[in-house]
Amino acid sequence: MSFLDFVEGIFFQIAAIIFLFGVVWRMVGLLRIKRRKDISPPKASAAMGFIKGNFRHFIPRGIFARRTWVHLVGGYSFHFGLLILIVVGAPHVAFLKSQFLGFDWWVMPRWGFIVASDFAFAGLILLWVRRISDPVMRLISEPSDHLGTGLTFVVMLTGCLALQESHDFLRAMHMMFVDLWLVYFPFSRLMHAFTFFLSRGHSGATYGRKGINL
């Protein structure tokens, strides 16, 4: 068995199982947290507040948008760029077809992959620069935040290097870091990719129940 077969085979399967189990475990743990019962009479729908709370946070209010435009631009560039790469990037679709699904779907052209990569890289770097340069962000940041950013950057960088398919070693390095990223994900703040809608929804439900206009 070659190193490439190992990182795309048994190691990837183990990493995927840890990822799925860890994500489910964290989500179930959050949902099982007991909350103090609100005995005040509801003034509006908490469920509607949950929904509004999620959608409202996608577009910050004017004064906050002006103060956090770096975070806004970097966040959307990185997250949407990375999502596009994963979902409709030709190498990723081909890998999922061969390893799991047995079918494929539309993929973006090569130039689209490069453009999406540029946006993702620019957004990630911009967010990290803000984290190390802003006094408040530095204060609330932990070493795990920088580790998650660094690991994500290496995964993306090795993926771009492997895009040329010039050597199996480059593809193997990319897959190795992908596997490590999957293992690290559930036990880090990268979990916000799954938990953000719960935190936003909880605040929205609380305000909605009290009749506060979001």
Protein backbone atom coordinates (compact mmCIF):
# COMPACT_ATOMS: atom_id res chain seq x y z
CA MET A 1 0.00 0.00 0.00
CA SER A 2 1.40 3.37 -1.01
CA PHE A 3 1.24 6.49 1.14
CA LEU A 4 -1.38 7.93 -1.22
CA ASP A 5 -3.52 4.79 -0.89
CA PHE A 6 -3.21 5.05 2.90
CA VAL A 7 -4.26 8.72 3.23
CA GLU A 8 -7.07 8.32 0.68
CA GLY A 9 -8.16 4.97 2.08
CA ILE A 10 -8.02 3.77 5.67
CA PHE A 11 -6.74 7.05 7.15
CA PHE A 12 -9.44 9.05 5.39
CA GLN A 13 -12.13 6.61 6.50
CA ILE A 14 -10.98 6.83 10.12
CA ALA A 15 -10.80 10.63 9.93
CA ALA A 16 -14.28 10.81 8.39
CA ILE A 17 -15.72 8.60 11.15
CA ILE A 18 -14.09 10.75 13.85
CA PHE A 19 -15.39 13.87 12.12
CA LEU A 20 -18.97 12.61 11.88
CA PHE A 21 -19.02 11.14 15.38
CA GLY A 22 -17.44 14.25 16.87
CA VAL A 23 -19.85 16.63 15.13
CA VAL A 24 -22.90 14.60 16.18
CA TRP A 25 -21.58 14.28 19.73
CA ARG A 26 -21.01 18.02 20.04
CA MET A 27 -24.38 18.90 18.53
CA VAL A 28 -26.27 16.46 20.77
CA GLY A 29 -24.39 17.81 23.78
CA LEU A 30 -25.44 21.37 22.95
CA LEU A 31 -29.06 20.41 22.39
CA ARG A 32 -29.19 18.57 25.72
CA ILE A 33 -28.01 21.53 27.78
CA LYS A 34 -30.73 22.35 30.28
CA ARG A 35 -32.02 25.89 30.25
CA ARG A 36 -33.92 27.79 32.89
CA LYS A 37 -37.62 27.84 32.10
CA ASP A 38 -38.94 31.25 31.14
CA ILE A 39 -42.14 31.71 33.14
CA SER A 40 -43.00 35.11 31.69
CA PRO A 41 -45.91 35.13 29.20
CA PRO A 42 -44.68 35.13 25.58
CA LYS A 43 -45.34 38.30 23.60
CA ALA A 44 -44.49 36.81 20.21
CA SER A 45 -43.26 33.61 18.54
CA ALA A 46 -39.94 32.22 19.72
CA ALA A 47 -39.79 29.98 16.63
CA MET A 48 -40.11 32.95 14.32
CA GLY A 49 -37.48 34.74 16.39
CA PHE A 50 -35.17 31.73 15.89
CA ILE A 51 -35.53 32.02 12.12
CA LYS A 52 -35.23 35.80 12.05
CA GLY A 53 -32.22 35.68 14.36
CA ASN A 54 -30.35 33.51 11.89
CA PHE A 55 -31.15 35.46 8.75
CA ARG A 56 -30.75 38.87 10.40
CA HIS A 57 -27.11 38.19 11.30
CA PHE A 58 -26.11 37.66 7.68
CA ILE A 59 -26.44 41.40 7.11
CA PRO A 60 -25.17 43.52 10.03
CA ARG A 61 -26.79 46.82 10.84
CA GLY A 62 -25.26 49.97 9.40
CA ILE A 63 -23.10 51.15 12.29
CA PHE A 64 -21.74 47.65 12.94
CA ALA A 65 -21.08 47.04 9.24
CA ARG A 66 -18.89 50.15 9.07
CA ARG A 67 -16.89 49.09 12.10
CA THR A 68 -16.53 45.43 11.13
CA TRP A 69 -16.23 45.65 7.35
CA VAL A 70 -12.91 43.80 7.42
CA HIS A 71 -14.49 40.87 9.22
CA LEU A 72 -17.51 41.03 6.91
CA VAL A 73 -15.50 41.03 3.67
CA GLY A 74 -13.00 38.46 4.90
CA GLY A 75 -15.66 36.17 6.31
CA TYR A 76 -17.82 36.09 3.20
CA SER A 77 -14.83 35.76 0.87
CA PHE A 78 -13.35 32.85 2.78
CA HIS A 79 -16.49 30.90 3.63
CA PHE A 80 -18.19 31.20 0.26
CA GLY A 81 -14.94 30.62 -1.62
CA LEU A 82 -14.20 27.47 0.36
CA LEU A 83 -17.79 26.22 0.06
CA ILE A 84 -17.70 26.60 -3.71
CA LEU A 85 -14.37 24.77 -3.91
CA ILE A 86 -15.68 21.83 -1.90
CA VAL A 87 -19.10 21.53 -3.52
CA VAL A 88 -18.39 22.13 -7.22
CA GLY A 89 -14.61 21.85 -7.47
CA ALA A 90 -13.85 19.17 -10.09
CA PRO A 91 -11.19 17.28 -8.04
CA HIS A 92 -13.46 17.10 -4.99
CA VAL A 93 -16.51 15.98 -6.97
CA ALA A 94 -14.44 13.30 -8.69
CA PHE A 95 -13.08 12.08 -5.34
CA LEU A 96 -16.54 11.86 -3.77
CA LYS A 97 -17.85 10.02 -6.82
CA SER A 98 -15.09 7.42 -6.77
CA GLN A 99 -14.95 6.92 -3.00
CA PHE A 100 -18.54 7.24 -1.79
CA LEU A 101 -21.39 8.37 -4.01
CA GLY A 102 -20.90 6.71 -7.37
CA PHE A 103 -22.33 9.74 -9.20
CA ASP A 104 -21.25 13.28 -9.94
CA TRP A 105 -22.77 16.67 -10.74
CA TRP A 106 -21.90 19.92 -12.48
CA VAL A 107 -18.41 21.22 -11.75
CA MET A 108 -17.06 24.68 -12.37
CA PRO A 109 -14.33 25.24 -14.96
CA ARG A 110 -10.69 25.39 -13.99
CA TRP A 111 -10.60 29.19 -14.07
CA GLY A 112 -13.54 29.24 -11.66
CA PHE A 113 -11.65 26.98 -9.27
CA ILE A 114 -8.70 29.38 -9.34
CA VAL A 115 -10.90 32.45 -8.77
CA ALA A 116 -12.72 30.78 -5.87
CA SER A 117 -9.35 29.79 -4.40
CA ASP A 118 -8.14 33.40 -4.60
CA PHE A 119 -11.21 34.62 -2.72
CA ALA A 120 -10.86 31.90 -0.09
CA PHE A 121 -7.16 32.60 0.47
CA ALA A 122 -7.67 36.36 0.59
CA GLY A 123 -10.53 36.03 3.06
CA LEU A 124 -8.67 33.63 5.35
CA ILE A 125 -5.53 35.80 5.42
CA LEU A 126 -7.61 38.94 6.03
CA LEU A 127 -9.39 37.30 8.97
CA TRP A 128 -6.11 36.12 10.49
CA VAL A 129 -4.48 39.55 10.10
CA ARG A 130 -7.47 41.06 11.88
CA ARG A 131 -7.14 38.46 14.63
CA ILE A 132 -3.51 39.33 15.35
CA SER A 133 -3.78 43.09 14.81
CA ASP A 134 -7.02 44.01 16.55
CA PRO A 135 -6.52 44.42 20.34
CA VAL A 136 -9.88 42.87 21.22
CA MET A 137 -9.44 39.94 18.83
CA ARG A 138 -5.97 39.27 20.22
CA LEU A 139 -7.40 39.22 23.74
CA ILE A 140 -10.13 36.68 23.01
CA SER A 141 -8.03 34.50 20.68
CA GLU A 142 -6.47 31.26 21.87
CA PRO A 143 -3.66 29.15 20.40
CA SER A 144 -6.28 26.75 19.04
CA ASP A 145 -7.70 29.58 16.90
CA HIS A 146 -4.34 30.10 15.21
CA LEU A 147 -3.86 26.34 14.87
CA GLY A 148 -7.23 25.97 13.15
CA THR A 149 -6.44 28.85 10.80
CA GLY A 150 -3.00 27.48 10.02
CA LEU A 151 -4.26 23.97 9.38
CA THR A 152 -7.00 25.28 7.09
CA PHE A 153 -4.44 27.36 5.20
CA VAL A 154 -2.15 24.36 4.71
CA VAL A 155 -5.06 22.23 3.50
CA MET A 156 -5.94 24.86 0.91
CA LEU A 157 -2.31 25.44 -0.10
CA THR A 158 -1.53 21.76 -0.61
CA GLY A 159 -4.79 21.45 -2.53
CA CYS A 160 -3.67 24.14 -4.97
CA LEU A 161 -0.28 22.46 -5.33
CA ALA A 162 -1.99 19.15 -6.06
CA LEU A 163 -4.28 20.75 -8.66
CA GLN A 164 -1.68 20.28 -11.42
CA GLU A 165 -1.62 16.52 -10.72
CA SER A 166 2.08 16.58 -11.52
CA HIS A 167 3.07 14.22 -8.72
CA ASP A 168 1.24 11.77 -6.46
CA PHE A 169 3.25 13.08 -3.49
CA LEU A 170 1.51 16.47 -3.71
CA ARG A 171 -1.90 14.82 -3.76
CA ALA A 172 -0.89 12.61 -0.83
CA MET A 173 0.26 15.62 1.20
CA HIS A 174 -3.04 17.37 0.54
CA MET A 175 -5.04 14.33 1.62
CA MET A 176 -2.93 13.87 4.73
CA PHE A 177 -3.67 17.41 5.89
CA VAL A 178 -7.34 16.98 4.96
CA ASP A 179 -7.46 13.91 7.20
CA LEU A 180 -5.80 15.79 10.06
CA TRP A 181 -8.21 18.69 9.54
CA LEU A 182 -11.19 16.34 9.75
CA VAL A 183 -9.91 14.85 13.00
CA TYR A 184 -9.22 18.26 14.53
CA PHE A 185 -12.48 19.87 13.39
CA PRO A 186 -15.03 18.58 15.97
CA PHE A 187 -12.80 19.42 18.92
CA SER A 188 -12.03 23.00 17.91
CA ARG A 189 -13.79 26.27 17.22
CA LEU A 190 -14.08 25.19 13.62
CA MET A 191 -17.30 23.61 14.89
CA HIS A 192 -18.93 27.02 14.48
CA ALA A 193 -19.66 25.88 10.94
CA PHE A 194 -22.38 23.70 12.48
CA THR A 195 -23.22 25.55 15.69
CA PHE A 196 -23.55 29.14 14.48
CA PHE A 197 -27.23 28.72 13.62
CA LEU A 198 -27.94 27.42 17.14
CA SER A 199 -26.30 30.37 18.88
CA ARG A 200 -27.91 32.90 16.56
CA GLY A 201 -31.23 31.13 16.79
CA HIS A 202 -31.13 30.96 20.58
CA SER A 203 -30.64 34.71 20.86
CA GLY A 204 -33.30 35.31 18.22
CA ALA A 205 -35.77 33.01 19.98
CA THR A 206 -35.18 34.77 23.31
CA TYR A 207 -35.73 38.22 21.79
CA GLY A 208 -38.62 36.99 19.67
CA ARG A 209 -40.46 35.55 22.66
CA LYS A 210 -40.13 38.91 24.39
CA GLY A 211 -41.52 40.69 21.37
CA ILE A 212 -38.31 42.51 20.53
CA ASN A 213 -38.08 43.48 16.88
CA LEU A 214 -35.01 41.98 15.24
